[in-house]
Amino acid sequence: DHFTPVGGFIDKSLVKDPQNLELYCQVNGVERQRGNTKDMVFNIPSLISHISAIFTLECGDVILTGTPDGVGPIE
């Protein structure tokens, strides 16, 4: 329990527009998924507002919002 490996963080100063950010996932050099934050159902400020009304968000917390199209079966 309580284990979610994450990595490859990008400094926010390098992100011009977090609401138009291309995201992708590669496994062994093969692209498995690609998406863009502009296609999210709820925008980032709305998510943070809603979540912070329920939970106290701390520095370093990660908000996981699901996965873009293209998720395949677990092998």
N, C-alpha and C. Protein backbone atom coordinates (compact mmCIF):
# COMPACT_ATOMS: atom_id res chain seq x y z
N ASP A 1 0.83 -1.20 0.00
CA ASP A 1 0.00 0.00 0.00
C ASP A 1 0.87 1.25 0.00
N HIS A 2 0.29 2.35 -0.44
CA HIS A 2 0.95 3.65 -0.41
C HIS A 2 2.21 3.70 -1.27
N PHE A 3 2.17 3.07 -2.44
CA PHE A 3 3.33 3.07 -3.32
C PHE A 3 2.89 3.38 -4.74
N THR A 4 3.37 4.47 -5.27
CA THR A 4 3.09 4.85 -6.65
C THR A 4 4.37 5.42 -7.23
N PRO A 5 5.12 4.63 -7.98
CA PRO A 5 6.37 5.15 -8.54
C PRO A 5 6.09 6.24 -9.58
N VAL A 6 6.75 7.36 -9.44
CA VAL A 6 6.64 8.45 -10.40
C VAL A 6 8.04 9.01 -10.63
N GLY A 7 8.22 9.68 -11.73
CA GLY A 7 9.54 10.25 -11.97
C GLY A 7 9.57 11.08 -13.23
N GLY A 8 10.71 11.63 -13.48
CA GLY A 8 10.86 12.46 -14.66
C GLY A 8 10.17 13.80 -14.53
N PHE A 9 10.20 14.39 -13.33
CA PHE A 9 9.54 15.68 -13.13
C PHE A 9 10.26 16.79 -13.88
N ILE A 10 9.49 17.76 -14.35
CA ILE A 10 10.01 18.91 -15.07
C ILE A 10 9.79 20.14 -14.20
N ASP A 11 10.80 20.98 -14.05
CA ASP A 11 10.66 22.21 -13.28
C ASP A 11 9.56 23.07 -13.90
N LYS A 12 8.66 23.58 -13.05
CA LYS A 12 7.52 24.34 -13.56
C LYS A 12 7.94 25.58 -14.34
N SER A 13 9.14 26.09 -14.10
CA SER A 13 9.60 27.26 -14.85
C SER A 13 9.81 26.94 -16.33
N LEU A 14 9.91 25.65 -16.66
CA LEU A 14 10.11 25.23 -18.05
C LEU A 14 8.79 24.97 -18.79
N VAL A 15 7.67 25.04 -18.06
CA VAL A 15 6.36 24.77 -18.66
C VAL A 15 5.69 26.09 -18.99
N LYS A 16 5.54 26.38 -20.29
CA LYS A 16 4.94 27.64 -20.71
C LYS A 16 3.46 27.71 -20.36
N ASP A 17 2.72 26.65 -20.67
CA ASP A 17 1.28 26.62 -20.45
C ASP A 17 0.87 25.24 -19.94
N PRO A 18 0.63 25.10 -18.63
CA PRO A 18 0.28 23.77 -18.11
C PRO A 18 -1.05 23.24 -18.64
N GLN A 19 -1.88 24.11 -19.22
CA GLN A 19 -3.14 23.66 -19.81
C GLN A 19 -2.99 23.26 -21.27
N ASN A 20 -1.75 23.25 -21.76
CA ASN A 20 -1.48 22.80 -23.13
C ASN A 20 -0.12 22.11 -23.13
N LEU A 21 -0.05 21.02 -22.38
CA LEU A 21 1.22 20.31 -22.19
C LEU A 21 1.11 18.91 -22.79
N GLU A 22 1.97 18.62 -23.73
CA GLU A 22 2.00 17.29 -24.37
C GLU A 22 2.65 16.30 -23.41
N LEU A 23 1.98 15.17 -23.19
CA LEU A 23 2.48 14.12 -22.30
C LEU A 23 2.57 12.82 -23.08
N TYR A 24 3.58 12.03 -22.77
CA TYR A 24 3.68 10.73 -23.43
C TYR A 24 4.36 9.73 -22.51
N CYS A 25 4.15 8.47 -22.81
CA CYS A 25 4.75 7.38 -22.05
C CYS A 25 5.45 6.44 -23.02
N GLN A 26 6.70 6.13 -22.72
CA GLN A 26 7.45 5.16 -23.51
C GLN A 26 7.87 4.00 -22.61
N VAL A 27 7.82 2.81 -23.16
CA VAL A 27 8.30 1.62 -22.48
C VAL A 27 9.35 0.99 -23.38
N ASN A 28 10.57 0.92 -22.89
CA ASN A 28 11.69 0.39 -23.67
C ASN A 28 11.81 1.09 -25.03
N GLY A 29 11.62 2.41 -25.02
CA GLY A 29 11.77 3.20 -26.24
C GLY A 29 10.58 3.17 -27.18
N VAL A 30 9.52 2.45 -26.83
CA VAL A 30 8.33 2.35 -27.67
C VAL A 30 7.21 3.20 -27.05
N GLU A 31 6.67 4.14 -27.83
CA GLU A 31 5.60 4.98 -27.31
C GLU A 31 4.34 4.16 -27.09
N ARG A 32 3.79 4.27 -25.88
CA ARG A 32 2.57 3.54 -25.53
C ARG A 32 1.36 4.46 -25.41
N GLN A 33 1.59 5.71 -25.01
CA GLN A 33 0.50 6.66 -24.83
C GLN A 33 0.97 8.05 -25.18
N ARG A 34 0.02 8.88 -25.60
CA ARG A 34 0.29 10.30 -25.85
C ARG A 34 -1.00 11.06 -25.58
N GLY A 35 -0.88 12.20 -24.93
CA GLY A 35 -2.05 13.01 -24.64
C GLY A 35 -1.64 14.45 -24.39
N ASN A 36 -2.62 15.31 -24.17
CA ASN A 36 -2.35 16.72 -23.92
C ASN A 36 -3.27 17.18 -22.79
N THR A 37 -2.75 18.02 -21.91
CA THR A 37 -3.55 18.50 -20.78
C THR A 37 -4.74 19.34 -21.24
N LYS A 38 -4.71 19.87 -22.46
CA LYS A 38 -5.86 20.65 -22.95
C LYS A 38 -7.08 19.76 -23.14
N ASP A 39 -6.89 18.45 -23.19
CA ASP A 39 -7.99 17.51 -23.39
C ASP A 39 -8.57 16.97 -22.08
N MET A 40 -8.07 17.46 -20.95
CA MET A 40 -8.58 17.00 -19.66
C MET A 40 -10.03 17.45 -19.47
N VAL A 41 -10.82 16.65 -18.77
CA VAL A 41 -12.23 16.99 -18.52
C VAL A 41 -12.32 18.25 -17.66
N PHE A 42 -11.49 18.35 -16.62
CA PHE A 42 -11.46 19.51 -15.73
C PHE A 42 -10.09 20.17 -15.85
N ASN A 43 -10.06 21.51 -15.87
CA ASN A 43 -8.76 22.17 -15.97
C ASN A 43 -8.02 22.09 -14.63
N ILE A 44 -6.74 22.36 -14.67
CA ILE A 44 -5.88 22.19 -13.50
C ILE A 44 -6.30 23.07 -12.32
N PRO A 45 -6.58 24.37 -12.52
CA PRO A 45 -7.02 25.18 -11.37
C PRO A 45 -8.30 24.64 -10.72
N SER A 46 -9.24 24.15 -11.52
CA SER A 46 -10.47 23.58 -10.95
C SER A 46 -10.18 22.34 -10.12
N LEU A 47 -9.28 21.49 -10.61
CA LEU A 47 -8.91 20.29 -9.86
C LEU A 47 -8.28 20.65 -8.52
N ILE A 48 -7.33 21.58 -8.55
CA ILE A 48 -6.65 21.98 -7.31
C ILE A 48 -7.65 22.60 -6.34
N SER A 49 -8.54 23.44 -6.83
CA SER A 49 -9.54 24.07 -5.98
C SER A 49 -10.44 23.03 -5.31
N HIS A 50 -10.93 22.10 -6.10
CA HIS A 50 -11.83 21.07 -5.57
C HIS A 50 -11.11 20.18 -4.56
N ILE A 51 -9.94 19.71 -4.92
CA ILE A 51 -9.20 18.81 -4.03
C ILE A 51 -8.80 19.51 -2.74
N SER A 52 -8.35 20.76 -2.84
CA SER A 52 -7.89 21.46 -1.63
C SER A 52 -9.05 21.85 -0.71
N ALA A 53 -10.28 21.80 -1.21
CA ALA A 53 -11.44 22.03 -0.34
C ALA A 53 -11.73 20.80 0.51
N ILE A 54 -11.18 19.65 0.12
CA ILE A 54 -11.43 18.39 0.82
C ILE A 54 -10.19 17.95 1.61
N PHE A 55 -9.02 18.10 1.01
CA PHE A 55 -7.75 17.68 1.61
C PHE A 55 -6.82 18.87 1.72
N THR A 56 -5.91 18.81 2.67
CA THR A 56 -4.84 19.80 2.74
C THR A 56 -3.73 19.34 1.81
N LEU A 57 -3.45 20.14 0.79
CA LEU A 57 -2.36 19.80 -0.13
C LEU A 57 -1.06 20.34 0.44
N GLU A 58 -0.05 19.49 0.45
CA GLU A 58 1.27 19.85 0.97
C GLU A 58 2.28 19.89 -0.18
N CYS A 59 3.36 20.61 0.04
CA CYS A 59 4.44 20.66 -0.94
C CYS A 59 4.90 19.23 -1.23
N GLY A 60 4.98 18.88 -2.50
CA GLY A 60 5.40 17.53 -2.88
C GLY A 60 4.25 16.58 -3.16
N ASP A 61 3.02 16.97 -2.81
CA ASP A 61 1.87 16.12 -3.12
C ASP A 61 1.73 15.99 -4.64
N VAL A 62 1.25 14.85 -5.08
CA VAL A 62 1.04 14.58 -6.50
C VAL A 62 -0.45 14.32 -6.71
N ILE A 63 -1.03 14.99 -7.70
CA ILE A 63 -2.43 14.78 -8.05
C ILE A 63 -2.46 13.91 -9.30
N LEU A 64 -3.01 12.72 -9.18
CA LEU A 64 -3.11 11.80 -10.31
C LEU A 64 -4.51 11.92 -10.89
N THR A 65 -4.60 12.14 -12.20
CA THR A 65 -5.90 12.44 -12.81
C THR A 65 -6.39 11.36 -13.77
N GLY A 66 -5.69 10.29 -13.90
CA GLY A 66 -6.12 9.25 -14.83
C GLY A 66 -5.16 9.14 -16.00
N THR A 67 -5.63 8.58 -17.07
CA THR A 67 -4.75 8.28 -18.19
C THR A 67 -5.39 8.72 -19.50
N PRO A 68 -4.57 9.17 -20.46
CA PRO A 68 -5.13 9.53 -21.77
C PRO A 68 -5.49 8.28 -22.57
N ASP A 69 -6.14 8.49 -23.70
CA ASP A 69 -6.44 7.37 -24.60
C ASP A 69 -5.17 6.59 -24.92
N GLY A 70 -5.35 5.33 -25.19
CA GLY A 70 -4.22 4.52 -25.64
C GLY A 70 -3.72 3.53 -24.61
N VAL A 71 -4.31 3.55 -23.41
CA VAL A 71 -3.85 2.60 -22.40
C VAL A 71 -4.13 1.19 -22.91
N GLY A 72 -3.15 0.34 -22.76
CA GLY A 72 -3.28 -1.02 -23.24
C GLY A 72 -3.39 -2.00 -22.09
N PRO A 73 -3.48 -3.27 -22.40
CA PRO A 73 -3.59 -4.29 -21.35
C PRO A 73 -2.28 -4.42 -20.58
N ILE A 74 -2.40 -4.79 -19.32
CA ILE A 74 -1.21 -5.07 -18.51
C ILE A 74 -0.67 -6.42 -18.92
N GLU A 75 0.62 -6.46 -19.19
CA GLU A 75 1.24 -7.73 -19.62
C GLU A 75 2.20 -8.22 -18.58
